[in-house]
PDB file of all heavy atoms in Angstrom:
ATOM      1  N   VAL A   1      79.057 129.684 124.347  1.00  0.00           N
ATOM      2  CA  VAL A   1      78.037 129.570 123.294  1.00  0.00           C
ATOM      3  C   VAL A   1      78.298 128.342 122.435  1.00  0.00           C
ATOM      4  O   VAL A   1      77.378 127.584 122.110  1.00  0.00           O
ATOM      5  CB  VAL A   1      77.993 130.845 122.424  1.00  0.00           C
ATOM      6  CG1 VAL A   1      77.129 130.623 121.175  1.00  0.00           C
ATOM      7  CG2 VAL A   1      77.443 132.026 123.220  1.00  0.00           C
ATOM      8  N   ALA A   2      79.554 128.129 122.057  1.00  0.00           N
ATOM      9  CA  ALA A   2      79.908 126.969 121.230  1.00  0.00           C
ATOM     10  C   ALA A   2      79.500 125.662 121.904  1.00  0.00           C
ATOM     11  O   ALA A   2      78.928 124.763 121.264  1.00  0.00           O
ATOM     12  CB  ALA A   2      81.405 126.980 120.942  1.00  0.00           C
ATOM     13  N   LEU A   3      79.774 125.545 123.203  1.00  0.00           N
ATOM     14  CA  LEU A   3      79.428 124.325 123.932  1.00  0.00           C
ATOM     15  C   LEU A   3      77.925 124.199 124.157  1.00  0.00           C
ATOM     16  O   LEU A   3      77.388 123.089 124.139  1.00  0.00           O
ATOM     17  CB  LEU A   3      80.179 124.290 125.265  1.00  0.00           C
ATOM     18  CG  LEU A   3      81.675 123.996 125.140  1.00  0.00           C
ATOM     19  CD1 LEU A   3      82.389 124.271 126.455  1.00  0.00           C
ATOM     20  CD2 LEU A   3      81.909 122.560 124.684  1.00  0.00           C
ATOM     21  N   THR A   4      77.247 125.319 124.365  1.00  0.00           N
ATOM     22  CA  THR A   4      75.791 125.276 124.499  1.00  0.00           C
ATOM     23  C   THR A   4      75.164 124.788 123.204  1.00  0.00           C
ATOM     24  O   THR A   4      74.249 123.955 123.209  1.00  0.00           O
ATOM     25  CB  THR A   4      75.234 126.671 124.856  1.00  0.00           C
ATOM     26  OG1 THR A   4      75.804 127.109 126.086  1.00  0.00           O
ATOM     27  CG2 THR A   4      73.725 126.639 125.002  1.00  0.00           C
ATOM     28  N   ALA A   5      75.674 125.290 122.074  1.00  0.00           N
ATOM     29  CA  ALA A   5      75.147 124.884 120.767  1.00  0.00           C
ATOM     30  C   ALA A   5      75.419 123.407 120.498  1.00  0.00           C
ATOM     31  O   ALA A   5      74.529 122.660 120.065  1.00  0.00           O
ATOM     32  CB  ALA A   5      75.754 125.742 119.663  1.00  0.00           C
ATOM     33  N   SER A   6      76.642 122.963 120.762  1.00  0.00           N
ATOM     34  CA  SER A   6      76.986 121.563 120.480  1.00  0.00           C
ATOM     35  C   SER A   6      76.277 120.611 121.430  1.00  0.00           C
ATOM     36  O   SER A   6      76.000 119.459 121.078  1.00  0.00           O
ATOM     37  CB  SER A   6      78.503 121.358 120.568  1.00  0.00           C
ATOM     38  OG  SER A   6      78.970 121.523 121.892  1.00  0.00           O
ATOM     39  N   GLY A   7      75.959 121.083 122.643  1.00  0.00           N
ATOM     40  CA  GLY A   7      75.222 120.257 123.587  1.00  0.00           C
ATOM     41  C   GLY A   7      73.762 120.106 123.206  1.00  0.00           C
ATOM     42  O   GLY A   7      73.155 119.051 123.410  1.00  0.00           O
ATOM     43  N   LYS A   8      73.197 121.151 122.633  1.00  0.00           N
ATOM     44  CA  LYS A   8      71.784 121.132 122.254  1.00  0.00           C
ATOM     45  C   LYS A   8      71.569 120.481 120.890  1.00  0.00           C
ATOM     46  O   LYS A   8      70.561 119.819 120.662  1.00  0.00           O
ATOM     47  CB  LYS A   8      71.240 122.567 122.226  1.00  0.00           C
ATOM     48  CG  LYS A   8      69.748 122.685 121.963  1.00  0.00           C
ATOM     49  CD  LYS A   8      69.318 124.136 122.019  1.00  0.00           C
ATOM     50  CE  LYS A   8      67.838 124.300 121.677  1.00  0.00           C
ATOM     51  NZ  LYS A   8      66.956 123.721 122.699  1.00  0.00           N
ATOM     52  N   ARG A   9      72.545 120.686 119.992  1.00  0.00           N
ATOM     53  CA  ARG A   9      72.412 120.191 118.625  1.00  0.00           C
ATOM     54  C   ARG A   9      73.540 119.207 118.319  1.00  0.00           C
ATOM     55  O   ARG A   9      74.678 119.609 118.075  1.00  0.00           O
ATOM     56  CB  ARG A   9      72.474 121.370 117.641  1.00  0.00           C
ATOM     57  CG  ARG A   9      71.362 122.404 117.803  1.00  0.00           C
ATOM     58  CD  ARG A   9      70.092 121.972 117.092  1.00  0.00           C
ATOM     59  NE  ARG A   9      70.323 121.835 115.671  1.00  0.00           N
ATOM     60  CZ  ARG A   9      70.133 122.825 114.787  1.00  0.00           C
ATOM     61  NH1 ARG A   9      69.740 124.023 115.187  1.00  0.00           N
ATOM     62  NH2 ARG A   9      70.328 122.611 113.494  1.00  0.00           N
ATOM     63  N   LYS A  10      73.244 117.936 118.324  1.00  0.00           N
ATOM     64  CA  LYS A  10      74.269 116.922 118.053  1.00  0.00           C
ATOM     65  C   LYS A  10      74.735 116.963 116.605  1.00  0.00           C
ATOM     66  O   LYS A  10      75.779 116.404 116.257  1.00  0.00           O
ATOM     67  CB  LYS A  10      73.732 115.528 118.386  1.00  0.00           C
ATOM     68  CG  LYS A  10      73.246 115.367 119.820  1.00  0.00           C
ATOM     69  CD  LYS A  10      74.331 115.698 120.834  1.00  0.00           C
ATOM     70  CE  LYS A  10      73.814 115.514 122.259  1.00  0.00           C
ATOM     71  NZ  LYS A  10      74.789 115.941 123.275  1.00  0.00           N
ATOM     72  N   ASP A  11      73.947 117.602 115.735  1.00  0.00           N
ATOM     73  CA  ASP A  11      74.297 117.723 114.326  1.00  0.00           C
ATOM     74  C   ASP A  11      75.124 118.974 114.054  1.00  0.00           C
ATOM     75  O   ASP A  11      75.364 119.341 112.908  1.00  0.00           O
ATOM     76  CB  ASP A  11      73.022 117.786 113.479  1.00  0.00           C
ATOM     77  CG  ASP A  11      72.160 119.015 113.815  1.00  0.00           C
ATOM     78  OD1 ASP A  11      72.238 119.498 114.962  1.00  0.00           O
ATOM     79  OD2 ASP A  11      71.442 119.491 112.929  1.00  0.00           O
ATOM     80  N   CYS A  12      75.586 119.629 115.128  1.00  0.00           N
ATOM     81  CA  CYS A  12      76.227 120.944 115.017  1.00  0.00           C
ATOM     82  C   CYS A  12      77.747 120.826 114.950  1.00  0.00           C
ATOM     83  O   CYS A  12      78.365 120.164 115.778  1.00  0.00           O
ATOM     84  CB  CYS A  12      75.819 121.784 116.223  1.00  0.00           C
ATOM     85  SG  CYS A  12      76.314 123.494 116.127  1.00  0.00           S
ATOM     86  N   PHE A  13      78.329 121.472 113.953  1.00  0.00           N
ATOM     87  CA  PHE A  13      79.784 121.568 113.825  1.00  0.00           C
ATOM     88  C   PHE A  13      80.150 123.032 114.065  1.00  0.00           C
ATOM     89  O   PHE A  13      79.784 123.899 113.272  1.00  0.00           O
ATOM     90  CB  PHE A  13      80.238 121.108 112.445  1.00  0.00           C
ATOM     91  CG  PHE A  13      79.934 119.672 112.158  1.00  0.00           C
ATOM     92  CD1 PHE A  13      78.713 119.309 111.612  1.00  0.00           C
ATOM     93  CD2 PHE A  13      80.858 118.673 112.446  1.00  0.00           C
ATOM     94  CE1 PHE A  13      78.421 117.980 111.349  1.00  0.00           C
ATOM     95  CE2 PHE A  13      80.574 117.340 112.191  1.00  0.00           C
ATOM     96  CZ  PHE A  13      79.350 116.991 111.645  1.00  0.00           C
ATOM     97  N   VAL A  14      80.858 123.293 115.150  1.00  0.00           N
ATOM     98  CA  VAL A  14      81.130 124.672 115.559  1.00  0.00           C
ATOM     99  C   VAL A  14      82.611 124.995 115.438  1.00  0.00           C
ATOM    100  O   VAL A  14      83.459 124.212 115.864  1.00  0.00           O
ATOM    101  CB  VAL A  14      80.703 124.921 117.034  1.00  0.00           C
ATOM    102  CG1 VAL A  14      80.732 126.421 117.344  1.00  0.00           C
ATOM    103  CG2 VAL A  14      79.334 124.344 117.320  1.00  0.00           C
ATOM    104  N   VAL A  15      82.886 126.172 114.879  1.00  0.00           N
ATOM    105  CA  VAL A  15      84.232 126.733 114.933  1.00  0.00           C
ATOM    106  C   VAL A  15      84.146 127.994 115.782  1.00  0.00           C
ATOM    107  O   VAL A  15      83.383 128.911 115.465  1.00  0.00           O
ATOM    108  CB  VAL A  15      84.770 127.084 113.528  1.00  0.00           C
ATOM    109  CG1 VAL A  15      86.133 127.768 113.647  1.00  0.00           C
ATOM    110  CG2 VAL A  15      84.871 125.834 112.667  1.00  0.00           C
ATOM    111  N   GLY A  16      84.889 128.022 116.887  1.00  0.00           N
ATOM    112  CA  GLY A  16      84.924 129.187 117.765  1.00  0.00           C
ATOM    113  C   GLY A  16      86.210 129.971 117.548  1.00  0.00           C
ATOM    114  O   GLY A  16      87.298 129.384 117.560  1.00  0.00           O
ATOM    115  N   VAL A  17      86.093 131.263 117.330  1.00  0.00           N
ATOM    116  CA  VAL A  17      87.254 132.107 117.049  1.00  0.00           C
ATOM    117  C   VAL A  17      87.341 133.236 118.069  1.00  0.00           C
ATOM    118  O   VAL A  17      86.327 133.853 118.410  1.00  0.00           O
ATOM    119  CB  VAL A  17      87.163 132.706 115.625  1.00  0.00           C
ATOM    120  CG1 VAL A  17      88.309 133.668 115.365  1.00  0.00           C
ATOM    121  CG2 VAL A  17      87.152 131.601 114.586  1.00  0.00           C
ATOM    122  N   ASP A  18      88.545 133.484 118.561  1.00  0.00           N
ATOM    123  CA  ASP A  18      88.755 134.574 119.510  1.00  0.00           C
ATOM    124  C   ASP A  18      90.186 135.086 119.359  1.00  0.00           C
ATOM    125  O   ASP A  18      91.078 134.348 118.915  1.00  0.00           O
ATOM    126  CB  ASP A  18      88.512 134.109 120.948  1.00  0.00           C
ATOM    127  CG  ASP A  18      88.196 135.267 121.881  1.00  0.00           C
ATOM    128  OD1 ASP A  18      89.116 136.031 122.237  1.00  0.00           O
ATOM    129  OD2 ASP A  18      87.018 135.423 122.253  1.00  0.00           O
ATOM    130  N   LYS A  19      90.395 136.346 119.764  1.00  0.00           N
ATOM    131  CA  LYS A  19      91.726 136.944 119.658  1.00  0.00           C
ATOM    132  C   LYS A  19      92.546 136.743 120.929  1.00  0.00           C
ATOM    133  O   LYS A  19      93.763 136.916 120.939  1.00  0.00           O
ATOM    134  CB  LYS A  19      91.568 138.439 119.369  1.00  0.00           C
ATOM    135  CG  LYS A  19      92.711 139.057 118.590  1.00  0.00           C
ATOM    136  CD  LYS A  19      92.353 140.475 118.153  1.00  0.00           C
ATOM    137  CE  LYS A  19      93.512 141.108 117.395  1.00  0.00           C
ATOM    138  NZ  LYS A  19      93.186 142.478 116.945  1.00  0.00           N
ATOM    139  N   SER A  20      91.886 136.368 122.031  1.00  0.00           N
ATOM    140  CA  SER A  20      92.562 136.207 123.323  1.00  0.00           C
ATOM    141  C   SER A  20      93.094 134.784 123.488  1.00  0.00           C
ATOM    142  O   SER A  20      92.326 133.821 123.565  1.00  0.00           O
ATOM    143  CB  SER A  20      91.598 136.535 124.468  1.00  0.00           C
ATOM    144  OG  SER A  20      92.128 136.109 125.710  1.00  0.00           O
ATOM    145  N   GLU A  21      94.391 134.654 123.577  1.00  0.00           N
ATOM    146  CA  GLU A  21      95.015 133.341 123.731  1.00  0.00           C
ATOM    147  C   GLU A  21      94.636 132.678 125.047  1.00  0.00           C
ATOM    148  O   GLU A  21      94.396 131.465 125.107  1.00  0.00           O
ATOM    149  CB  GLU A  21      96.535 133.467 123.630  1.00  0.00           C
ATOM    150  CG  GLU A  21      97.039 133.827 122.253  1.00  0.00           C
ATOM    151  CD  GLU A  21      98.561 133.788 122.173  1.00  0.00           C
ATOM    152  OE1 GLU A  21      99.159 132.954 122.870  1.00  0.00           O
ATOM    153  OE2 GLU A  21      99.130 134.586 121.418  1.00  0.00           O
ATOM    154  N   GLU A  22      94.593 133.461 126.124  1.00  0.00           N
ATOM    155  CA  GLU A  22      94.303 132.884 127.442  1.00  0.00           C
ATOM    156  C   GLU A  22      92.857 132.399 127.537  1.00  0.00           C
ATOM    157  O   GLU A  22      92.590 131.366 128.161  1.00  0.00           O
ATOM    158  CB  GLU A  22      94.591 133.921 128.536  1.00  0.00           C
ATOM    159  CG  GLU A  22      96.055 134.308 128.650  1.00  0.00           C
ATOM    160  CD  GLU A  22      96.966 133.116 128.880  1.00  0.00           C
ATOM    161  OE1 GLU A  22      96.595 132.241 129.691  1.00  0.00           O
ATOM    162  OE2 GLU A  22      98.035 133.045 128.245  1.00  0.00           O
ATOM    163  N   MET A  23      91.945 133.103 126.912  1.00  0.00           N
ATOM    164  CA  MET A  23      90.548 132.661 126.902  1.00  0.00           C
ATOM    165  C   MET A  23      90.428 131.357 126.113  1.00  0.00           C
ATOM    166  O   MET A  23      89.695 130.437 126.515  1.00  0.00           O
ATOM    167  CB  MET A  23      89.660 133.742 126.271  1.00  0.00           C
ATOM    168  CG  MET A  23      89.603 135.043 127.059  1.00  0.00           C
ATOM    169  SD  MET A  23      88.558 134.970 128.522  1.00  0.00           S
ATOM    170  CE  MET A  23      86.991 135.420 127.814  1.00  0.00           C
ATOM    171  N   LEU A  24      91.150 131.256 125.018  1.00  0.00           N
ATOM    172  CA  LEU A  24      91.099 130.044 124.209  1.00  0.00           C
ATOM    173  C   LEU A  24      91.697 128.842 124.936  1.00  0.00           C
ATOM    174  O   LEU A  24      91.250 127.712 124.749  1.00  0.00           O
ATOM    175  CB  LEU A  24      91.814 130.262 122.872  1.00  0.00           C
ATOM    176  CG  LEU A  24      91.081 131.155 121.868  1.00  0.00           C
ATOM    177  CD1 LEU A  24      91.929 131.368 120.628  1.00  0.00           C
ATOM    178  CD2 LEU A  24      89.722 130.580 121.486  1.00  0.00           C
ATOM    179  N   LYS A  25      92.709 129.072 125.767  1.00  0.00           N
ATOM    180  CA  LYS A  25      93.266 127.965 126.561  1.00  0.00           C
ATOM    181  C   LYS A  25      92.201 127.393 127.485  1.00  0.00           C
ATOM    182  O   LYS A  25      92.061 126.163 127.622  1.00  0.00           O
ATOM    183  CB  LYS A  25      94.456 128.461 127.391  1.00  0.00           C
ATOM    184  CG  LYS A  25      95.718 128.714 126.582  1.00  0.00           C
ATOM    185  CD  LYS A  25      96.823 129.239 127.481  1.00  0.00           C
ATOM    186  CE  LYS A  25      98.076 129.605 126.676  1.00  0.00           C
ATOM    187  NZ  LYS A  25      99.131 130.191 127.549  1.00  0.00           N
ATOM    188  N   LEU A  26      91.435 128.264 128.125  1.00  0.00           N
ATOM    189  CA  LEU A  26      90.352 127.804 128.996  1.00  0.00           C
ATOM    190  C   LEU A  26      89.259 127.123 128.185  1.00  0.00           C
ATOM    191  O   LEU A  26      88.679 126.125 128.626  1.00  0.00           O
ATOM    192  CB  LEU A  26      89.773 128.986 129.774  1.00  0.00           C
ATOM    193  CG  LEU A  26      90.702 129.587 130.835  1.00  0.00           C
ATOM    194  CD1 LEU A  26      90.118 130.876 131.385  1.00  0.00           C
ATOM    195  CD2 LEU A  26      90.930 128.594 131.971  1.00  0.00           C
TER     196      LEU A  26
END
């Protein structure tokens, strides 16, 4: 979702938060 938003909106500053360390590495 974060990448979809930043790809569609160049004016977009996204902070993505998750509890899974392995998902965040990817």
